[in-house]
Amino acid sequence: MLRYKLIKKFKYINVIELPPIIDKNKEPMIYGGVVTKQIFKFLINYKLINSININKLKKKLYKEKYFIKAFRVSYPKQLLLKIPRSLFIDRFLRMISDKF
């Protein structure tokens, strides 16, 4: 939703898609509780999801600075938004929906 609004509002904007960021201790740097962080740590350790460390992030941002892509603006599907769910389930559903 935020990406859609930013692309619509600003003519020149770079959107950089990144996997979860990990620190020096291989801990995921995500917003969430202890359980969410442990689940993401498990997923990263077993290579079920990609991750990126700070050094690779710096290199990627440097490359992206000079790389311009055109994005097709599409409004995100809004399904079952009124159902209460945990932050982890919400992120998991977003990961699934981004793949399709």
N, C-alpha and C. Protein backbone atom coordinates (compact mmCIF):
# COMPACT_ATOMS: atom_id res chain seq x y z
N MET A 1 0.82 -1.17 0.00
CA MET A 1 0.00 0.00 0.00
C MET A 1 0.87 1.26 0.00
N LEU A 2 1.91 1.28 0.83
CA LEU A 2 2.79 2.44 0.90
C LEU A 2 3.54 2.62 -0.43
N ARG A 3 4.02 1.51 -0.99
CA ARG A 3 4.73 1.58 -2.27
C ARG A 3 3.82 2.18 -3.34
N TYR A 4 2.59 1.73 -3.39
CA TYR A 4 1.63 2.23 -4.37
C TYR A 4 1.43 3.74 -4.22
N LYS A 5 1.25 4.19 -2.99
CA LYS A 5 1.02 5.62 -2.76
C LYS A 5 2.25 6.46 -3.11
N LEU A 6 3.44 5.97 -2.78
CA LEU A 6 4.66 6.71 -3.09
C LEU A 6 4.89 6.83 -4.59
N ILE A 7 4.69 5.73 -5.31
CA ILE A 7 4.90 5.76 -6.75
C ILE A 7 3.88 6.67 -7.43
N LYS A 8 2.65 6.66 -6.94
CA LYS A 8 1.61 7.52 -7.52
C LYS A 8 1.87 8.99 -7.23
N LYS A 9 2.34 9.31 -6.03
CA LYS A 9 2.50 10.70 -5.62
C LYS A 9 3.75 11.36 -6.21
N PHE A 10 4.86 10.64 -6.24
CA PHE A 10 6.12 11.21 -6.69
C PHE A 10 6.50 10.65 -8.05
N LYS A 11 6.90 11.54 -8.94
CA LYS A 11 7.22 11.13 -10.30
C LYS A 11 8.54 10.36 -10.36
N TYR A 12 9.53 10.83 -9.63
CA TYR A 12 10.84 10.19 -9.64
C TYR A 12 11.12 9.60 -8.27
N ILE A 13 10.99 8.30 -8.18
CA ILE A 13 11.22 7.60 -6.92
C ILE A 13 11.87 6.26 -7.21
N ASN A 14 12.82 5.87 -6.40
CA ASN A 14 13.46 4.57 -6.50
C ASN A 14 12.86 3.66 -5.44
N VAL A 15 12.42 2.50 -5.84
CA VAL A 15 11.91 1.50 -4.92
C VAL A 15 12.91 0.36 -4.89
N ILE A 16 13.45 0.09 -3.73
CA ILE A 16 14.45 -0.97 -3.58
C ILE A 16 13.83 -2.08 -2.74
N GLU A 17 13.75 -3.25 -3.32
CA GLU A 17 13.21 -4.40 -2.60
C GLU A 17 14.36 -5.14 -1.93
N LEU A 18 14.23 -5.35 -0.63
CA LEU A 18 15.29 -5.98 0.15
C LEU A 18 14.75 -7.14 0.96
N PRO A 19 15.54 -8.20 1.12
CA PRO A 19 15.18 -9.27 2.05
C PRO A 19 15.45 -8.79 3.48
N PRO A 20 15.09 -9.57 4.48
CA PRO A 20 15.40 -9.18 5.86
C PRO A 20 16.91 -8.95 6.05
N ILE A 21 17.24 -7.93 6.83
CA ILE A 21 18.64 -7.56 7.09
C ILE A 21 19.10 -8.27 8.36
N ILE A 22 20.33 -8.81 8.32
CA ILE A 22 20.89 -9.45 9.51
C ILE A 22 22.11 -8.66 9.97
N ASP A 23 22.36 -8.68 11.28
CA ASP A 23 23.51 -7.96 11.82
C ASP A 23 24.73 -8.87 11.90
N LYS A 24 25.79 -8.41 12.58
CA LYS A 24 27.04 -9.17 12.67
C LYS A 24 26.85 -10.51 13.37
N ASN A 25 25.90 -10.58 14.29
CA ASN A 25 25.66 -11.81 15.06
C ASN A 25 24.65 -12.73 14.40
N LYS A 26 24.33 -12.47 13.13
CA LYS A 26 23.37 -13.27 12.36
C LYS A 26 21.95 -13.18 12.94
N GLU A 27 21.66 -12.08 13.62
CA GLU A 27 20.32 -11.84 14.15
C GLU A 27 19.53 -11.01 13.16
N PRO A 28 18.28 -11.39 12.86
CA PRO A 28 17.48 -10.58 11.94
C PRO A 28 17.11 -9.24 12.56
N MET A 29 17.26 -8.19 11.78
CA MET A 29 16.94 -6.84 12.25
C MET A 29 15.53 -6.50 11.77
N ILE A 30 14.54 -7.05 12.46
CA ILE A 30 13.15 -6.84 12.09
C ILE A 30 12.38 -6.33 13.28
N TYR A 31 11.26 -5.70 13.00
CA TYR A 31 10.38 -5.23 14.05
C TYR A 31 9.46 -6.37 14.45
N GLY A 32 9.44 -6.70 15.72
CA GLY A 32 8.59 -7.77 16.20
C GLY A 32 9.05 -8.25 17.55
N GLY A 33 8.29 -9.17 18.09
CA GLY A 33 8.60 -9.72 19.39
C GLY A 33 9.67 -10.80 19.31
N VAL A 34 9.94 -11.41 20.46
CA VAL A 34 10.97 -12.45 20.56
C VAL A 34 10.61 -13.65 19.68
N VAL A 35 9.35 -14.04 19.68
CA VAL A 35 8.92 -15.20 18.89
C VAL A 35 9.10 -14.93 17.40
N THR A 36 8.71 -13.75 16.96
CA THR A 36 8.85 -13.40 15.54
C THR A 36 10.31 -13.41 15.13
N LYS A 37 11.19 -12.87 15.95
CA LYS A 37 12.61 -12.85 15.63
C LYS A 37 13.19 -14.27 15.58
N GLN A 38 12.76 -15.14 16.49
CA GLN A 38 13.24 -16.52 16.49
C GLN A 38 12.76 -17.27 15.25
N ILE A 39 11.52 -17.02 14.84
CA ILE A 39 11.01 -17.68 13.63
C ILE A 39 11.78 -17.22 12.41
N PHE A 40 12.05 -15.92 12.31
CA PHE A 40 12.82 -15.42 11.18
C PHE A 40 14.25 -15.94 11.22
N LYS A 41 14.83 -16.06 12.40
CA LYS A 41 16.19 -16.61 12.53
C LYS A 41 16.21 -18.06 12.03
N PHE A 42 15.20 -18.83 12.39
CA PHE A 42 15.08 -20.22 11.92
C PHE A 42 14.97 -20.26 10.40
N LEU A 43 14.10 -19.43 9.84
CA LEU A 43 13.90 -19.41 8.39
C LEU A 43 15.17 -19.00 7.65
N ILE A 44 15.92 -18.06 8.20
CA ILE A 44 17.17 -17.61 7.58
C ILE A 44 18.24 -18.69 7.70
N ASN A 45 18.37 -19.32 8.87
CA ASN A 45 19.40 -20.35 9.07
C ASN A 45 19.20 -21.55 8.16
N TYR A 46 17.95 -21.93 7.91
CA TYR A 46 17.66 -23.07 7.05
C TYR A 46 17.44 -22.65 5.60
N LYS A 47 17.78 -21.39 5.29
CA LYS A 47 17.73 -20.85 3.93
C LYS A 47 16.36 -21.01 3.27
N LEU A 48 15.32 -20.85 4.08
CA LEU A 48 13.96 -20.85 3.55
C LEU A 48 13.58 -19.48 3.03
N ILE A 49 14.24 -18.44 3.54
CA ILE A 49 14.10 -17.10 3.00
C ILE A 49 15.49 -16.50 2.84
N ASN A 50 15.61 -15.58 1.93
CA ASN A 50 16.89 -14.90 1.72
C ASN A 50 17.11 -13.84 2.79
N SER A 51 18.36 -13.49 2.99
CA SER A 51 18.70 -12.40 3.92
C SER A 51 19.88 -11.65 3.33
N ILE A 52 20.17 -10.50 3.91
CA ILE A 52 21.28 -9.68 3.45
C ILE A 52 21.95 -9.06 4.67
N ASN A 53 23.29 -9.02 4.67
CA ASN A 53 23.99 -8.38 5.79
C ASN A 53 24.27 -6.91 5.45
N ILE A 54 24.80 -6.18 6.42
CA ILE A 54 24.99 -4.74 6.27
C ILE A 54 25.97 -4.40 5.14
N ASN A 55 27.06 -5.17 5.02
CA ASN A 55 28.04 -4.88 3.96
C ASN A 55 27.44 -5.08 2.57
N LYS A 56 26.70 -6.16 2.39
CA LYS A 56 26.06 -6.39 1.10
C LYS A 56 25.00 -5.33 0.83
N LEU A 57 24.34 -4.88 1.90
CA LEU A 57 23.33 -3.85 1.75
C LEU A 57 23.95 -2.55 1.23
N LYS A 58 25.11 -2.19 1.78
CA LYS A 58 25.80 -0.98 1.32
C LYS A 58 26.16 -1.07 -0.16
N LYS A 59 26.66 -2.24 -0.57
CA LYS A 59 27.01 -2.43 -1.98
C LYS A 59 25.78 -2.37 -2.87
N LYS A 60 24.70 -2.97 -2.41
CA LYS A 60 23.46 -2.99 -3.20
C LYS A 60 22.90 -1.57 -3.34
N LEU A 61 22.94 -0.80 -2.26
CA LEU A 61 22.45 0.57 -2.34
C LEU A 61 23.31 1.41 -3.27
N TYR A 62 24.60 1.17 -3.28
CA TYR A 62 25.49 1.91 -4.18
C TYR A 62 25.16 1.58 -5.64
N LYS A 63 24.92 0.29 -5.92
CA LYS A 63 24.56 -0.12 -7.28
C LYS A 63 23.20 0.45 -7.68
N GLU A 64 22.23 0.38 -6.76
CA GLU A 64 20.88 0.83 -7.05
C GLU A 64 20.82 2.34 -7.28
N LYS A 65 21.77 3.07 -6.72
CA LYS A 65 21.78 4.51 -6.86
C LYS A 65 21.87 4.92 -8.33
N TYR A 66 22.61 4.15 -9.11
CA TYR A 66 22.81 4.47 -10.51
C TYR A 66 21.99 3.59 -11.45
N PHE A 67 21.10 2.81 -10.90
CA PHE A 67 20.30 1.90 -11.71
C PHE A 67 18.85 2.35 -11.65
N ILE A 68 18.27 2.60 -12.80
CA ILE A 68 16.89 3.10 -12.85
C ILE A 68 16.01 2.03 -13.48
N LYS A 69 14.95 1.67 -12.76
CA LYS A 69 13.98 0.71 -13.27
C LYS A 69 12.63 1.40 -13.38
N ALA A 70 11.86 0.97 -14.31
CA ALA A 70 10.49 1.48 -14.43
C ALA A 70 9.56 0.48 -13.74
N PHE A 71 8.69 0.99 -12.89
CA PHE A 71 7.75 0.13 -12.18
C PHE A 71 6.35 0.35 -12.71
N ARG A 72 5.64 -0.73 -12.86
CA ARG A 72 4.24 -0.64 -13.22
C ARG A 72 3.46 -0.53 -11.91
N VAL A 73 2.66 0.49 -11.82
CA VAL A 73 1.91 0.72 -10.59
C VAL A 73 0.67 -0.15 -10.60
N SER A 74 0.52 -0.95 -9.58
CA SER A 74 -0.67 -1.77 -9.43
C SER A 74 -1.17 -1.64 -8.00
N TYR A 75 -2.46 -1.54 -7.86
CA TYR A 75 -3.04 -1.40 -6.54
C TYR A 75 -3.05 -2.77 -5.87
N PRO A 76 -2.57 -2.87 -4.64
CA PRO A 76 -2.51 -4.17 -3.97
C PRO A 76 -3.90 -4.72 -3.66
N LYS A 77 -3.99 -6.04 -3.68
CA LYS A 77 -5.25 -6.70 -3.35
C LYS A 77 -5.49 -6.57 -1.86
N GLN A 78 -6.71 -6.26 -1.51
CA GLN A 78 -7.06 -6.13 -0.10
C GLN A 78 -8.01 -7.26 0.27
N LEU A 79 -7.45 -8.32 0.79
CA LEU A 79 -8.24 -9.48 1.17
C LEU A 79 -8.17 -9.70 2.67
N LEU A 80 -9.31 -9.87 3.28
CA LEU A 80 -9.42 -10.25 4.69
C LEU A 80 -8.64 -9.33 5.62
N LEU A 81 -8.73 -8.03 5.39
CA LEU A 81 -7.99 -7.08 6.23
C LEU A 81 -8.59 -6.92 7.62
N LYS A 82 -9.85 -7.20 7.78
CA LYS A 82 -10.52 -7.00 9.07
C LYS A 82 -10.27 -8.14 10.06
N ILE A 83 -9.68 -9.24 9.60
CA ILE A 83 -9.42 -10.38 10.49
C ILE A 83 -8.18 -10.09 11.33
N PRO A 84 -8.30 -10.16 12.66
CA PRO A 84 -7.11 -9.92 13.50
C PRO A 84 -6.10 -11.06 13.34
N ARG A 85 -4.82 -10.69 13.26
CA ARG A 85 -3.76 -11.69 13.13
C ARG A 85 -2.46 -11.12 13.70
N SER A 86 -1.55 -12.02 14.01
CA SER A 86 -0.28 -11.58 14.59
C SER A 86 0.60 -10.96 13.51
N LEU A 87 1.63 -10.26 13.94
CA LEU A 87 2.55 -9.59 13.03
C LEU A 87 3.28 -10.61 12.15
N PHE A 88 3.65 -11.76 12.74
CA PHE A 88 4.35 -12.78 11.96
C PHE A 88 3.47 -13.33 10.85
N ILE A 89 2.21 -13.64 11.18
CA ILE A 89 1.30 -14.18 10.16
C ILE A 89 1.08 -13.14 9.06
N ASP A 90 0.98 -11.88 9.43
CA ASP A 90 0.82 -10.82 8.45
C ASP A 90 2.02 -10.76 7.52
N ARG A 91 3.23 -10.83 8.05
CA ARG A 91 4.44 -10.81 7.21
C ARG A 91 4.53 -12.05 6.34
N PHE A 92 4.17 -13.19 6.90
CA PHE A 92 4.21 -14.43 6.14
C PHE A 92 3.24 -14.36 4.96
N LEU A 93 2.04 -13.86 5.19
CA LEU A 93 1.06 -13.72 4.11
C LEU A 93 1.55 -12.74 3.05
N ARG A 94 2.25 -11.69 3.47
CA ARG A 94 2.81 -10.74 2.50
C ARG A 94 3.89 -11.39 1.65
N MET A 95 4.73 -12.23 2.27
CA MET A 95 5.77 -12.92 1.52
C MET A 95 5.15 -13.84 0.48
N ILE A 96 4.09 -14.54 0.86
CA ILE A 96 3.41 -15.43 -0.06
C ILE A 96 2.77 -14.65 -1.20
N SER A 97 2.10 -13.56 -0.87
CA SER A 97 1.40 -12.80 -1.91
C SER A 97 2.37 -12.10 -2.85
N ASP A 98 3.57 -11.76 -2.38
CA ASP A 98 4.57 -11.13 -3.26
C ASP A 98 5.11 -12.10 -4.29
N LYS A 99 5.07 -13.39 -4.00
CA LYS A 99 5.59 -14.39 -4.93
C LYS A 99 4.65 -14.58 -6.12
N PHE A 100 3.38 -14.26 -5.94
CA PHE A 100 2.40 -14.51 -7.01
C PHE A 100 1.89 -13.27 -7.64
